[in-house]
């Protein structure tokens, strides 16, 4: 019934009402409130199907129920909750924010590599391409949200709020005034 780390970095609830908790150094925790149980997922250097890092920054439950975990410098991991096995993507990248677009692709916000789109089926990740002068491929992304029009809203570490329209390859920056 306890967590292995008290520094909580991310939260997500699944369709069954269970809570997923990302921690700063204690890995991923799955809390089931009914029987008050906690399952902990940690990095295991001897297992390629474990988390790539215990230092977590972002969580997302996608439409299939898979759990996406952004790590501090070790990419993003996809957990299949049925098997308990992780699939790693984007090794060496700090993943700070995650969102799912209307096509089921995962929009990935990074620490210094900007915005990427990850195709869960192929595993291919591509940087967002825009015609704007905003360097979306180098930004530190802190938060992501996708609106009903499919536009990506990104809170950045130094460029304010950014709205990216992937359909038209346009980016608009909202900065302080």
Protein backbone atom coordinates (compact mmCIF):
# COMPACT_ATOMS: atom_id res chain seq x y z
CA UNK A 1 0.00 0.00 0.00
CA UNK A 2 2.92 2.37 -0.14
CA UNK A 3 4.88 4.07 -2.88
CA UNK A 4 8.60 3.54 -3.32
CA UNK A 5 9.13 7.29 -3.80
CA UNK A 6 7.33 10.33 -2.38
CA UNK A 7 8.25 12.66 -5.26
CA UNK A 8 5.35 12.31 -7.71
CA UNK A 9 5.96 13.58 -11.25
CA UNK A 10 2.94 12.37 -13.25
CA UNK A 11 -0.56 10.93 -12.80
CA UNK A 12 -3.02 9.20 -15.13
CA UNK A 13 -6.27 7.31 -14.54
CA UNK A 14 -7.27 4.34 -16.70
CA UNK A 15 -10.74 3.30 -17.88
CA UNK A 16 -11.13 0.97 -14.87
CA UNK A 17 -10.62 3.84 -12.41
CA UNK A 18 -7.16 2.71 -11.39
CA UNK A 19 -4.42 5.28 -10.92
CA UNK A 20 -0.99 5.24 -12.55
CA UNK A 21 1.67 7.20 -10.68
CA UNK A 22 5.04 8.26 -12.09
CA UNK A 23 7.77 9.06 -9.61
CA UNK A 24 11.05 10.92 -9.69
CA UNK A 25 13.25 7.93 -8.82
CA UNK A 26 10.91 5.06 -7.89
CA UNK A 27 9.52 4.00 -11.25
CA UNK A 28 5.86 3.50 -12.16
CA UNK A 29 3.14 2.54 -9.67
CA UNK A 30 -0.30 1.13 -10.46
CA UNK A 31 -2.80 1.74 -7.67
CA UNK A 32 -6.04 -0.19 -7.44
CA UNK A 33 -8.22 1.61 -4.88
CA UNK A 34 -10.70 -1.24 -4.34
CA UNK A 35 -8.39 -3.78 -2.69
CA UNK A 36 -5.82 -1.03 -1.96
CA UNK A 37 -3.02 -2.73 -3.85
CA UNK A 38 0.03 -1.24 -5.50
CA UNK A 39 2.05 -2.82 -8.31
CA UNK A 40 5.47 -1.25 -8.90
CA UNK A 41 7.31 -1.31 -12.23
CA UNK A 42 11.03 -0.52 -12.05
CA UNK A 43 14.01 -0.46 -14.39
CA UNK A 44 15.76 -3.82 -14.45
CA UNK A 45 19.09 -3.70 -16.33
CA UNK A 46 18.87 -7.44 -17.01
CA UNK A 47 15.45 -7.16 -18.72
CA UNK A 48 15.01 -5.33 -22.04
CA UNK A 49 11.23 -5.42 -21.45
CA UNK A 50 11.37 -3.35 -18.24
CA UNK A 51 11.22 0.43 -17.88
CA UNK A 52 14.28 2.12 -19.37
CA UNK A 53 14.52 4.43 -16.33
CA UNK A 54 12.95 4.90 -12.90
CA UNK A 55 13.01 8.72 -13.30
CA UNK A 56 9.63 9.46 -14.88
CA UNK A 57 8.29 12.76 -16.20
CA UNK A 58 5.05 12.08 -18.11
CA UNK A 59 2.20 9.55 -18.35
CA UNK A 60 -0.54 8.89 -20.90
CA UNK A 61 -3.19 6.19 -21.17
CA UNK A 62 -4.00 5.81 -24.88
CA UNK A 63 -7.31 4.75 -26.43
CA UNK A 64 -6.22 1.07 -26.40
CA UNK A 65 -5.44 1.18 -22.67
CA UNK A 66 -1.67 1.09 -23.16
CA UNK A 67 0.33 3.18 -20.70
CA UNK A 68 2.95 5.54 -22.18
CA UNK A 69 5.73 6.62 -19.84
CA UNK A 70 8.06 9.55 -20.52
CA UNK A 71 11.46 9.27 -18.85
CA UNK A 72 14.21 11.70 -17.98
CA UNK A 73 16.72 10.96 -20.74
CA UNK A 74 15.79 7.38 -21.62
CA UNK A 75 12.96 7.98 -24.09
CA UNK A 76 9.37 6.86 -23.88
CA UNK A 77 8.12 3.41 -22.90
CA UNK A 78 4.85 1.74 -23.86
CA UNK A 79 3.48 -0.65 -21.25
CA UNK A 80 1.07 -3.38 -22.25
CA UNK A 81 -0.91 -3.70 -18.99
CA UNK A 82 -2.00 -7.25 -19.89
CA UNK A 83 1.55 -8.61 -20.19
CA UNK A 84 3.42 -6.16 -17.94
CA UNK A 85 6.04 -5.72 -20.66
CA UNK A 86 7.47 -2.41 -21.86
CA UNK A 87 8.51 -1.42 -25.38
CA UNK A 88 11.07 1.43 -25.54
CA UNK A 89 11.09 4.25 -28.10
CA UNK A 90 13.37 7.28 -28.60
CA UNK A 91 16.37 6.11 -26.55
CA UNK A 92 18.45 8.92 -25.08
CA UNK A 93 15.64 11.50 -25.27
CA UNK A 94 14.13 13.26 -22.25
CA UNK A 95 10.34 12.99 -22.64
CA UNK A 96 8.46 15.63 -20.66
CA UNK A 97 4.90 15.49 -22.05
CA UNK A 98 2.65 13.08 -23.97
CA UNK A 99 -0.66 13.35 -25.82
CA UNK A 100 -2.58 11.18 -28.29
CA UNK A 101 -3.87 12.68 -31.52
CA UNK A 102 -7.07 11.76 -33.39
CA UNK A 103 -5.18 9.20 -35.51
CA UNK A 104 -3.83 7.31 -32.49
CA UNK A 105 -0.30 8.67 -32.90
CA UNK A 106 1.53 9.81 -29.78
CA UNK A 107 2.66 13.43 -29.69
CA UNK A 108 5.85 13.59 -27.66
CA UNK A 109 7.17 16.71 -25.94
CA UNK A 110 10.86 16.57 -25.15
CA UNK A 111 13.55 18.30 -23.19
CA UNK A 112 15.48 20.14 -25.91
CA UNK A 113 14.35 18.15 -28.96
CA UNK A 114 10.97 19.86 -29.30
CA UNK A 115 7.87 18.10 -30.56
CA UNK A 116 7.76 14.70 -32.22
CA UNK A 117 5.03 12.42 -33.52
CA UNK A 118 5.42 8.72 -32.74
CA UNK A 119 3.56 6.08 -34.75
CA UNK A 120 2.86 3.27 -32.24
CA UNK A 121 2.54 0.66 -35.00
CA UNK A 122 5.80 1.32 -36.83
CA UNK A 123 7.76 2.82 -33.93
CA UNK A 124 8.84 5.67 -36.21
CA UNK A 125 9.15 9.11 -34.61
CA UNK A 126 9.29 12.24 -36.72
CA UNK A 127 9.87 15.83 -35.62
CA UNK A 128 7.04 18.30 -36.18
CA UNK A 129 7.65 20.21 -39.39
CA UNK A 130 6.43 23.79 -39.60
CA UNK A 131 6.98 26.65 -41.99
CA UNK A 132 7.17 29.10 -39.09
CA UNK A 133 10.33 30.66 -37.69
CA UNK A 134 9.63 29.06 -34.32
CA UNK A 135 12.22 26.33 -33.64
CA UNK A 136 9.76 23.60 -32.62
CA UNK A 137 12.49 20.98 -33.08
CA UNK A 138 14.71 22.44 -30.35
CA UNK A 139 12.26 23.61 -27.69
CA UNK A 140 11.83 22.31 -24.19
CA UNK A 141 8.21 21.21 -23.98
CA UNK A 142 6.61 21.16 -20.53
CA UNK A 143 2.94 20.48 -21.29
CA UNK A 144 0.81 19.25 -24.20
CA UNK A 145 -2.84 19.37 -25.12
CA UNK A 146 -4.57 18.58 -28.42
CA UNK A 147 -7.75 20.49 -29.21
CA UNK A 148 -10.82 19.37 -31.20
CA UNK A 149 -9.31 20.68 -34.43
CA UNK A 150 -6.23 18.50 -33.98
CA UNK A 151 -3.98 21.45 -33.15
CA UNK A 152 -1.26 20.81 -30.63
CA UNK A 153 -0.87 23.29 -27.78
CA UNK A 154 2.54 23.16 -26.12
CA UNK A 155 3.72 24.92 -23.01
CA UNK A 156 7.42 25.58 -23.47
CA UNK A 157 10.31 26.31 -21.14
CA UNK A 158 11.28 29.61 -22.83
CA UNK A 159 8.95 30.41 -25.75
CA UNK A 160 5.61 30.71 -23.93
CA UNK A 161 2.57 28.93 -25.30
CA UNK A 162 2.85 27.46 -28.77
CA UNK A 163 0.02 26.31 -31.04
CA UNK A 164 1.03 23.96 -33.84
CA UNK A 165 -1.36 23.04 -36.65
CA UNK A 166 0.08 19.84 -38.14
CA UNK A 167 -2.37 19.85 -41.06
CA UNK A 168 -1.05 23.18 -42.38
CA UNK A 169 2.51 23.02 -40.96
CA UNK A 170 1.87 26.27 -39.11
CA UNK A 171 2.98 27.38 -35.65
CA UNK A 172 1.74 30.36 -33.67
CA UNK A 173 3.44 31.65 -30.55
CA UNK A 174 1.64 33.24 -27.61
CA UNK A 175 4.18 35.01 -25.39
CA UNK A 176 3.93 37.26 -22.35
CA UNK A 177 3.04 40.91 -22.81
